[in-house]
Amino acid sequence: MLDFLVAGLLVLQEKAAPLGLQINWIKTKIQQIGVPHLTQSTVQVAAENAELVNNFVYLGSLISHERESEAEILRRIRIAKNCFSLLDKNIWKSHIHTDTKVRLYRIYILPVLLYGCETWTITKTISKRLDAFDTVLTENSTDTIFQEHYKRNSSRCYCMYTSL
């Protein structure tokens, strides 16, 4: 099967050359969908090696051979947590008004967390994890009065992606 792919890639290279396009085989990644373990790590294409991978990041989203979203969601949670911690001393622990903190959270943290969420497959477990993460961040960034207000008057993080 890999031989057909290599032949197709060589045809692609031939068709791209008259247009002035060159394929960088060092940057090229090949992913086998649904295959748990690759038997080799590279494949020879046009006298250069193209890497065979299980996962790779494309346009900011993790593409996994498992066709599941859990790894991408956990990755987005880690990235959002890092963004949150970068603003920890200057924003969340400051005397800025709670409404301003909420707006900053929605502007700076939620888009990082929910990037690419339109393509996620959300299970109950993932939904609970997103909700717990959102709760922890709101508790760390605001006071208890806000927590009660937030729980009563707004939808949680795993539901908010539909309105962004």
N, C-alpha and C. Protein backbone atom coordinates (compact mmCIF):
# COMPACT_ATOMS: atom_id res chain seq x y z
N MET A 1 0.82 -1.19 0.00
CA MET A 1 0.00 0.00 0.00
C MET A 1 0.86 1.26 0.00
N LEU A 2 1.96 1.20 0.72
CA LEU A 2 2.86 2.34 0.79
C LEU A 2 3.51 2.61 -0.57
N ASP A 3 3.68 1.55 -1.37
CA ASP A 3 4.26 1.72 -2.71
C ASP A 3 3.36 2.57 -3.60
N PHE A 4 2.04 2.37 -3.48
CA PHE A 4 1.09 3.18 -4.26
C PHE A 4 1.15 4.65 -3.84
N LEU A 5 1.30 4.88 -2.56
CA LEU A 5 1.40 6.23 -2.05
C LEU A 5 2.66 6.91 -2.56
N VAL A 6 3.78 6.22 -2.52
CA VAL A 6 5.04 6.78 -3.01
C VAL A 6 4.94 7.10 -4.50
N ALA A 7 4.31 6.21 -5.26
CA ALA A 7 4.13 6.46 -6.69
C ALA A 7 3.26 7.70 -6.90
N GLY A 8 2.21 7.85 -6.11
CA GLY A 8 1.35 9.02 -6.22
C GLY A 8 2.09 10.30 -5.85
N LEU A 9 2.94 10.24 -4.84
CA LEU A 9 3.72 11.40 -4.44
C LEU A 9 4.71 11.81 -5.53
N LEU A 10 5.28 10.82 -6.22
CA LEU A 10 6.20 11.12 -7.32
C LEU A 10 5.46 11.78 -8.48
N VAL A 11 4.23 11.34 -8.76
CA VAL A 11 3.41 11.97 -9.80
C VAL A 11 3.08 13.41 -9.39
N LEU A 12 2.77 13.60 -8.12
CA LEU A 12 2.51 14.94 -7.62
C LEU A 12 3.72 15.85 -7.82
N GLN A 13 4.90 15.33 -7.55
CA GLN A 13 6.12 16.12 -7.72
C GLN A 13 6.33 16.48 -9.20
N GLU A 14 6.07 15.53 -10.10
CA GLU A 14 6.21 15.79 -11.53
C GLU A 14 5.23 16.86 -12.01
N LYS A 15 3.99 16.80 -11.54
CA LYS A 15 2.97 17.77 -11.96
C LYS A 15 3.22 19.16 -11.35
N ALA A 16 3.86 19.21 -10.18
CA ALA A 16 4.12 20.48 -9.51
C ALA A 16 5.32 21.21 -10.11
N ALA A 17 6.27 20.47 -10.66
CA ALA A 17 7.50 21.07 -11.18
C ALA A 17 7.25 22.09 -12.30
N PRO A 18 6.39 21.84 -13.31
CA PRO A 18 6.16 22.84 -14.34
C PRO A 18 5.52 24.13 -13.82
N LEU A 19 4.88 24.04 -12.67
CA LEU A 19 4.26 25.21 -12.06
C LEU A 19 5.24 25.99 -11.17
N GLY A 20 6.46 25.47 -11.06
CA GLY A 20 7.47 26.13 -10.24
C GLY A 20 7.37 25.76 -8.76
N LEU A 21 6.64 24.71 -8.46
CA LEU A 21 6.47 24.28 -7.07
C LEU A 21 7.41 23.12 -6.77
N GLN A 22 7.97 23.14 -5.58
CA GLN A 22 8.84 22.05 -5.15
C GLN A 22 8.31 21.49 -3.84
N ILE A 23 8.34 20.19 -3.71
CA ILE A 23 7.89 19.53 -2.49
C ILE A 23 9.10 19.32 -1.59
N ASN A 24 8.99 19.77 -0.36
CA ASN A 24 10.05 19.58 0.62
C ASN A 24 9.78 18.26 1.33
N TRP A 25 10.49 17.22 0.95
CA TRP A 25 10.24 15.89 1.48
C TRP A 25 10.68 15.77 2.93
N ILE A 26 11.59 16.62 3.36
CA ILE A 26 12.03 16.57 4.76
C ILE A 26 10.89 17.03 5.68
N LYS A 27 10.09 17.99 5.23
CA LYS A 27 8.96 18.48 6.03
C LYS A 27 7.71 17.63 5.85
N THR A 28 7.70 16.75 4.88
CA THR A 28 6.52 15.94 4.58
C THR A 28 6.35 14.83 5.61
N LYS A 29 5.15 14.71 6.13
CA LYS A 29 4.79 13.67 7.09
C LYS A 29 3.74 12.78 6.46
N ILE A 30 3.87 11.49 6.65
CA ILE A 30 2.90 10.53 6.14
C ILE A 30 2.30 9.82 7.34
N GLN A 31 0.96 9.79 7.38
CA GLN A 31 0.27 9.18 8.51
C GLN A 31 -0.62 8.06 8.01
N GLN A 32 -0.51 6.92 8.66
CA GLN A 32 -1.38 5.80 8.34
C GLN A 32 -2.54 5.82 9.33
N ILE A 33 -3.74 6.04 8.83
CA ILE A 33 -4.93 6.14 9.68
C ILE A 33 -5.38 4.73 10.07
N GLY A 34 -5.67 4.56 11.36
CA GLY A 34 -6.21 3.31 11.85
C GLY A 34 -5.19 2.22 12.10
N VAL A 35 -3.93 2.47 11.79
CA VAL A 35 -2.88 1.48 12.02
C VAL A 35 -2.19 1.85 13.33
N PRO A 36 -2.24 1.00 14.35
CA PRO A 36 -1.72 1.38 15.65
C PRO A 36 -0.19 1.54 15.70
N HIS A 37 0.55 0.67 15.06
CA HIS A 37 2.01 0.74 15.14
C HIS A 37 2.60 0.68 13.74
N LEU A 38 3.48 1.62 13.46
CA LEU A 38 4.16 1.64 12.18
C LEU A 38 5.37 0.71 12.25
N THR A 39 5.63 0.01 11.16
CA THR A 39 6.76 -0.92 11.15
C THR A 39 8.07 -0.21 10.80
N GLN A 40 7.98 0.95 10.17
CA GLN A 40 9.17 1.71 9.83
C GLN A 40 8.92 3.18 10.16
N SER A 41 9.99 3.96 10.27
CA SER A 41 9.83 5.35 10.65
C SER A 41 9.94 6.31 9.48
N THR A 42 10.53 5.89 8.38
CA THR A 42 10.64 6.74 7.20
C THR A 42 10.36 5.92 5.94
N VAL A 43 10.07 6.65 4.87
CA VAL A 43 9.89 6.02 3.57
C VAL A 43 10.67 6.85 2.55
N GLN A 44 11.30 6.19 1.61
CA GLN A 44 12.12 6.85 0.59
C GLN A 44 11.23 7.38 -0.52
N VAL A 45 11.29 8.71 -0.73
CA VAL A 45 10.53 9.35 -1.80
C VAL A 45 11.47 10.31 -2.51
N ALA A 46 11.66 10.11 -3.80
CA ALA A 46 12.48 11.00 -4.63
C ALA A 46 13.85 11.24 -4.01
N ALA A 47 14.54 10.19 -3.62
CA ALA A 47 15.89 10.22 -3.07
C ALA A 47 15.99 10.94 -1.72
N GLU A 48 14.87 11.17 -1.07
CA GLU A 48 14.86 11.76 0.27
C GLU A 48 13.88 10.98 1.14
N ASN A 49 14.02 11.14 2.45
CA ASN A 49 13.16 10.42 3.37
C ASN A 49 11.98 11.29 3.82
N ALA A 50 10.79 10.70 3.78
CA ALA A 50 9.60 11.33 4.34
C ALA A 50 9.26 10.54 5.61
N GLU A 51 8.93 11.24 6.66
CA GLU A 51 8.71 10.61 7.96
C GLU A 51 7.30 10.01 8.05
N LEU A 52 7.22 8.80 8.59
CA LEU A 52 5.95 8.14 8.88
C LEU A 52 5.62 8.42 10.34
N VAL A 53 4.44 8.97 10.61
CA VAL A 53 4.09 9.38 11.98
C VAL A 53 2.72 8.85 12.37
N ASN A 54 2.50 8.76 13.67
CA ASN A 54 1.18 8.42 14.20
C ASN A 54 0.35 9.67 14.46
N ASN A 55 1.02 10.75 14.91
CA ASN A 55 0.36 12.00 15.23
C ASN A 55 1.20 13.15 14.72
N PHE A 56 0.54 14.25 14.34
CA PHE A 56 1.26 15.46 13.99
C PHE A 56 0.33 16.66 14.16
N VAL A 57 0.95 17.82 14.30
CA VAL A 57 0.17 19.05 14.47
C VAL A 57 0.04 19.72 13.11
N TYR A 58 -1.20 20.00 12.71
CA TYR A 58 -1.49 20.66 11.44
C TYR A 58 -2.43 21.82 11.70
N LEU A 59 -2.04 23.01 11.31
CA LEU A 59 -2.82 24.22 11.53
C LEU A 59 -3.24 24.38 12.99
N GLY A 60 -2.36 24.02 13.90
CA GLY A 60 -2.61 24.19 15.33
C GLY A 60 -3.40 23.10 16.00
N SER A 61 -3.81 22.08 15.26
CA SER A 61 -4.57 20.98 15.85
C SER A 61 -3.81 19.67 15.71
N LEU A 62 -3.93 18.84 16.73
CA LEU A 62 -3.28 17.54 16.72
C LEU A 62 -4.10 16.57 15.87
N ILE A 63 -3.47 16.00 14.87
CA ILE A 63 -4.12 15.00 14.02
C ILE A 63 -3.59 13.64 14.47
N SER A 64 -4.49 12.77 14.90
CA SER A 64 -4.10 11.49 15.46
C SER A 64 -4.57 10.35 14.56
N HIS A 65 -3.80 9.28 14.53
CA HIS A 65 -4.19 8.12 13.72
C HIS A 65 -5.38 7.38 14.31
N GLU A 66 -5.72 7.66 15.57
CA GLU A 66 -6.82 6.97 16.24
C GLU A 66 -8.19 7.50 15.88
N ARG A 67 -8.24 8.67 15.22
CA ARG A 67 -9.51 9.31 14.84
C ARG A 67 -10.34 9.71 16.05
N GLU A 68 -9.68 9.96 17.16
CA GLU A 68 -10.37 10.40 18.37
C GLU A 68 -9.89 11.79 18.74
N SER A 69 -10.69 12.50 19.52
CA SER A 69 -10.37 13.88 19.88
C SER A 69 -9.73 14.02 21.24
N GLU A 70 -9.68 12.97 22.03
CA GLU A 70 -9.22 13.10 23.41
C GLU A 70 -7.81 13.66 23.51
N ALA A 71 -6.89 13.18 22.70
CA ALA A 71 -5.51 13.68 22.76
C ALA A 71 -5.45 15.16 22.41
N GLU A 72 -6.22 15.59 21.42
CA GLU A 72 -6.25 17.01 21.04
C GLU A 72 -6.86 17.86 22.14
N ILE A 73 -7.92 17.38 22.78
CA ILE A 73 -8.57 18.14 23.85
C ILE A 73 -7.63 18.28 25.04
N LEU A 74 -6.95 17.20 25.42
CA LEU A 74 -5.99 17.28 26.52
C LEU A 74 -4.84 18.22 26.18
N ARG A 75 -4.43 18.23 24.94
CA ARG A 75 -3.38 19.16 24.49
C ARG A 75 -3.88 20.60 24.60
N ARG A 76 -5.11 20.87 24.18
CA ARG A 76 -5.67 22.22 24.27
C ARG A 76 -5.80 22.66 25.73
N ILE A 77 -6.16 21.74 26.61
CA ILE A 77 -6.24 22.06 28.04
C ILE A 77 -4.87 22.47 28.56
N ARG A 78 -3.82 21.74 28.19
CA ARG A 78 -2.45 22.09 28.63
C ARG A 78 -2.04 23.46 28.11
N ILE A 79 -2.36 23.75 26.87
CA ILE A 79 -1.99 25.05 26.28
C ILE A 79 -2.75 26.17 26.98
N ALA A 80 -4.05 25.97 27.22
CA ALA A 80 -4.85 27.00 27.91
C ALA A 80 -4.36 27.20 29.34
N LYS A 81 -3.97 26.12 29.99
CA LYS A 81 -3.44 26.23 31.35
C LYS A 81 -2.15 27.05 31.36
N ASN A 82 -1.30 26.85 30.37
CA ASN A 82 -0.06 27.64 30.26
C ASN A 82 -0.38 29.11 30.03
N CYS A 83 -1.34 29.39 29.16
CA CYS A 83 -1.74 30.79 28.91
C CYS A 83 -2.29 31.42 30.19
N PHE A 84 -3.09 30.66 30.91
CA PHE A 84 -3.67 31.15 32.16
C PHE A 84 -2.56 31.48 33.17
N SER A 85 -1.59 30.59 33.27
CA SER A 85 -0.52 30.81 34.25
C SER A 85 0.37 31.99 33.87
N LEU A 86 0.49 32.29 32.59
CA LEU A 86 1.28 33.46 32.18
C LEU A 86 0.65 34.76 32.65
N LEU A 87 -0.67 34.77 32.80
CA LEU A 87 -1.38 35.96 33.25
C LEU A 87 -1.69 35.93 34.75
N ASP A 88 -1.18 34.93 35.44
CA ASP A 88 -1.56 34.69 36.83
C ASP A 88 -1.30 35.88 37.74
N LYS A 89 -0.08 36.35 37.83
CA LYS A 89 0.24 37.43 38.77
C LYS A 89 -0.36 38.76 38.36
N ASN A 90 -0.29 39.09 37.08
CA ASN A 90 -0.69 40.41 36.62
C ASN A 90 -2.19 40.61 36.48
N ILE A 91 -2.92 39.55 36.23
CA ILE A 91 -4.35 39.69 35.98
C ILE A 91 -5.18 39.01 37.07
N TRP A 92 -5.04 37.71 37.21
CA TRP A 92 -5.94 36.94 38.06
C TRP A 92 -5.76 37.25 39.54
N LYS A 93 -4.55 37.54 39.97
CA LYS A 93 -4.31 37.83 41.39
C LYS A 93 -4.33 39.32 41.69
N SER A 94 -4.70 40.12 40.73
CA SER A 94 -4.72 41.57 40.92
C SER A 94 -6.08 42.03 41.44
N HIS A 95 -6.22 43.32 41.64
CA HIS A 95 -7.46 43.88 42.15
C HIS A 95 -8.36 44.39 41.03
N ILE A 96 -8.23 43.80 39.87
CA ILE A 96 -9.10 44.16 38.74
C ILE A 96 -10.50 43.67 39.05
N HIS A 97 -11.49 44.41 38.60
CA HIS A 97 -12.89 44.06 38.85
C HIS A 97 -13.20 42.69 38.25
N THR A 98 -14.07 41.95 38.91
CA THR A 98 -14.41 40.58 38.52
C THR A 98 -14.97 40.51 37.10
N ASP A 99 -15.82 41.46 36.73
CA ASP A 99 -16.38 41.45 35.37
C ASP A 99 -15.28 41.57 34.32
N THR A 100 -14.28 42.37 34.61
CA THR A 100 -13.15 42.52 33.69
C THR A 100 -12.37 41.22 33.58
N LYS A 101 -12.18 40.54 34.71
CA LYS A 101 -11.50 39.25 34.70
C LYS A 101 -12.26 38.23 33.86
N VAL A 102 -13.58 38.26 33.99
CA VAL A 102 -14.41 37.33 33.20
C VAL A 102 -14.24 37.61 31.72
N ARG A 103 -14.27 38.87 31.35
CA ARG A 103 -14.11 39.23 29.94
C ARG A 103 -12.73 38.82 29.43
N LEU A 104 -11.70 39.04 30.25
CA LEU A 104 -10.35 38.63 29.85
C LEU A 104 -10.26 37.12 29.70
N TYR A 105 -10.89 36.39 30.59
CA TYR A 105 -10.92 34.93 30.51
C TYR A 105 -11.57 34.48 29.20
N ARG A 106 -12.70 35.10 28.87
CA ARG A 106 -13.41 34.73 27.64
C ARG A 106 -12.65 35.15 26.38
N ILE A 107 -11.89 36.22 26.47
CA ILE A 107 -11.16 36.72 25.30
C ILE A 107 -9.84 35.99 25.10
N TYR A 108 -9.11 35.72 26.19
CA TYR A 108 -7.76 35.19 26.06
C TYR A 108 -7.63 33.69 26.31
N ILE A 109 -8.44 33.14 27.18
CA ILE A 109 -8.27 31.73 27.55
C ILE A 109 -9.20 30.81 26.76
N LEU A 110 -10.49 31.13 26.71
CA LEU A 110 -11.43 30.25 26.01
C LEU A 110 -11.09 30.01 24.54
N PRO A 111 -10.70 31.03 23.76
CA PRO A 111 -10.34 30.73 22.37
C PRO A 111 -9.15 29.78 22.24
N VAL A 112 -8.21 29.88 23.15
CA VAL A 112 -7.08 28.95 23.14
C VAL A 112 -7.56 27.54 23.46
N LEU A 113 -8.40 27.43 24.47
CA LEU A 113 -8.93 26.13 24.88
C LEU A 113 -9.80 25.50 23.80
N LEU A 114 -10.63 26.31 23.16
CA LEU A 114 -11.65 25.77 22.26
C LEU A 114 -11.28 25.83 20.78
N TYR A 115 -10.03 26.13 20.48
CA TYR A 115 -9.61 26.19 19.08
C TYR A 115 -9.80 24.82 18.43
N GLY A 116 -10.52 24.80 17.34
CA GLY A 116 -10.76 23.55 16.61
C GLY A 116 -11.84 22.68 17.21
N CYS A 117 -12.60 23.20 18.17
CA CYS A 117 -13.59 22.37 18.87
C CYS A 117 -14.73 21.91 17.97
N GLU A 118 -14.91 22.55 16.83
CA GLU A 118 -15.99 22.15 15.92
C GLU A 118 -15.80 20.72 15.42
N THR A 119 -14.58 20.24 15.45
CA THR A 119 -14.30 18.90 14.93
C THR A 119 -14.13 17.86 16.03
N TRP A 120 -14.25 18.26 17.27
CA TRP A 120 -14.05 17.32 18.39
C TRP A 120 -15.23 16.37 18.52
N THR A 121 -14.93 15.16 18.93
CA THR A 121 -15.94 14.21 19.34
C THR A 121 -15.96 14.25 20.86
N ILE A 122 -17.08 14.75 21.43
CA ILE A 122 -17.14 14.96 22.87
C ILE A 122 -17.91 13.82 23.53
N THR A 123 -17.24 13.16 24.46
CA THR A 123 -17.86 12.11 25.25
C THR A 123 -18.22 12.69 26.63
N LYS A 124 -18.92 11.92 27.45
CA LYS A 124 -19.25 12.39 28.79
C LYS A 124 -17.97 12.64 29.60
N THR A 125 -17.00 11.77 29.47
CA THR A 125 -15.75 11.91 30.21
C THR A 125 -15.04 13.19 29.82
N ILE A 126 -14.94 13.44 28.53
CA ILE A 126 -14.28 14.67 28.05
C ILE A 126 -15.08 15.89 28.47
N SER A 127 -16.39 15.80 28.41
CA SER A 127 -17.24 16.91 28.82
C SER A 127 -17.01 17.25 30.29
N LYS A 128 -16.93 16.24 31.13
CA LYS A 128 -16.67 16.46 32.56
C LYS A 128 -15.29 17.05 32.77
N ARG A 129 -14.32 16.60 32.01
CA ARG A 129 -12.96 17.11 32.15
C ARG A 129 -12.88 18.58 31.75
N LEU A 130 -13.55 18.95 30.64
CA LEU A 130 -13.58 20.35 30.23
C LEU A 130 -14.30 21.20 31.28
N ASP A 131 -15.38 20.68 31.82
CA ASP A 131 -16.13 21.41 32.84
C ASP A 131 -15.28 21.60 34.09
N ALA A 132 -14.58 20.56 34.51
CA ALA A 132 -13.72 20.66 35.69
C ALA A 132 -12.60 21.66 35.45
N PHE A 133 -12.01 21.63 34.28
CA PHE A 133 -10.93 22.57 33.96
C PHE A 133 -11.45 24.01 33.99
N ASP A 134 -12.60 24.23 33.39
CA ASP A 134 -13.21 25.56 33.38
C ASP A 134 -13.51 26.02 34.81
N THR A 135 -14.03 25.13 35.64
CA THR A 135 -14.35 25.47 37.02
C THR A 135 -13.09 25.86 37.79
N VAL A 136 -12.03 25.08 37.63
CA VAL A 136 -10.77 25.38 38.33
C VAL A 136 -10.25 26.74 37.90
N LEU A 137 -10.27 27.02 36.61
CA LEU A 137 -9.76 28.31 36.15
C LEU A 137 -10.60 29.48 36.66
N THR A 138 -11.91 29.32 36.65
CA THR A 138 -12.74 30.42 37.14
C THR A 138 -12.57 30.61 38.65
N GLU A 139 -12.38 29.53 39.39
CA GLU A 139 -12.14 29.65 40.83
C GLU A 139 -10.80 30.32 41.11
N ASN A 140 -9.81 30.01 40.30
CA ASN A 140 -8.49 30.61 40.49
C ASN A 140 -8.44 32.07 40.06
N SER A 141 -9.29 32.46 39.16
CA SER A 141 -9.20 33.81 38.63
C SER A 141 -10.16 34.79 39.29
N THR A 142 -11.17 34.29 40.00
CA THR A 142 -12.19 35.19 40.54
C THR A 142 -12.48 34.85 42.00
N ASP A 143 -13.35 35.64 42.60
CA ASP A 143 -13.74 35.39 43.98
C ASP A 143 -14.97 34.49 44.05
N THR A 144 -15.34 34.06 45.26
CA THR A 144 -16.46 33.13 45.44
C THR A 144 -17.79 33.72 45.04
N ILE A 145 -17.97 35.01 45.18
CA ILE A 145 -19.24 35.64 44.79
C ILE A 145 -19.45 35.43 43.29
N PHE A 146 -18.38 35.59 42.53
CA PHE A 146 -18.48 35.40 41.08
C PHE A 146 -18.78 33.95 40.74
N GLN A 147 -18.21 33.01 41.46
CA GLN A 147 -18.44 31.60 41.16
C GLN A 147 -19.92 31.27 41.22
N GLU A 148 -20.59 31.72 42.24
CA GLU A 148 -22.02 31.45 42.37
C GLU A 148 -22.79 32.11 41.23
N HIS A 149 -22.43 33.34 40.90
CA HIS A 149 -23.08 34.06 39.80
C HIS A 149 -22.84 33.33 38.48
N TYR A 150 -21.62 32.88 38.28
CA TYR A 150 -21.25 32.21 37.03
C TYR A 150 -22.01 30.90 36.88
N LYS A 151 -22.14 30.15 37.94
CA LYS A 151 -22.83 28.87 37.87
C LYS A 151 -24.32 29.05 37.59
N ARG A 152 -24.90 30.15 38.07
CA ARG A 152 -26.32 30.38 37.85
C ARG A 152 -26.62 30.96 36.47
N ASN A 153 -25.76 31.85 35.99
CA ASN A 153 -26.13 32.69 34.85
C ASN A 153 -25.42 32.39 33.54
N SER A 154 -24.60 31.38 33.47
CA SER A 154 -23.95 31.14 32.19
C SER A 154 -23.73 29.65 31.99
N SER A 155 -23.59 29.29 30.73
CA SER A 155 -23.34 27.88 30.42
C SER A 155 -21.87 27.58 30.67
N ARG A 156 -21.57 26.34 30.89
CA ARG A 156 -20.21 25.92 31.18
C ARG A 156 -19.38 25.84 29.91
N CYS A 157 -18.11 25.64 30.09
CA CYS A 157 -17.14 25.69 28.99
C CYS A 157 -17.48 24.72 27.86
N TYR A 158 -17.84 23.49 28.18
CA TYR A 158 -18.08 22.51 27.13
C TYR A 158 -19.31 22.84 26.30
N CYS A 159 -20.19 23.71 26.80
CA CYS A 159 -21.34 24.14 26.02
C CYS A 159 -21.03 25.46 25.28
N MET A 160 -20.07 26.22 25.78
CA MET A 160 -19.79 27.55 25.22
C MET A 160 -19.21 27.47 23.82
N TYR A 161 -18.57 26.38 23.46
CA TYR A 161 -17.93 26.33 22.15
C TYR A 161 -18.94 26.49 21.02
N THR A 162 -20.19 26.15 21.25
CA THR A 162 -21.18 26.28 20.20
C THR A 162 -21.55 27.73 19.93
N SER A 163 -21.34 28.61 20.92
CA SER A 163 -21.72 30.00 20.74
C SER A 163 -20.56 30.88 20.33
N LEU A 164 -19.33 30.34 20.28
CA LEU A 164 -18.18 31.17 19.91
C LEU A 164 -18.09 31.39 18.42
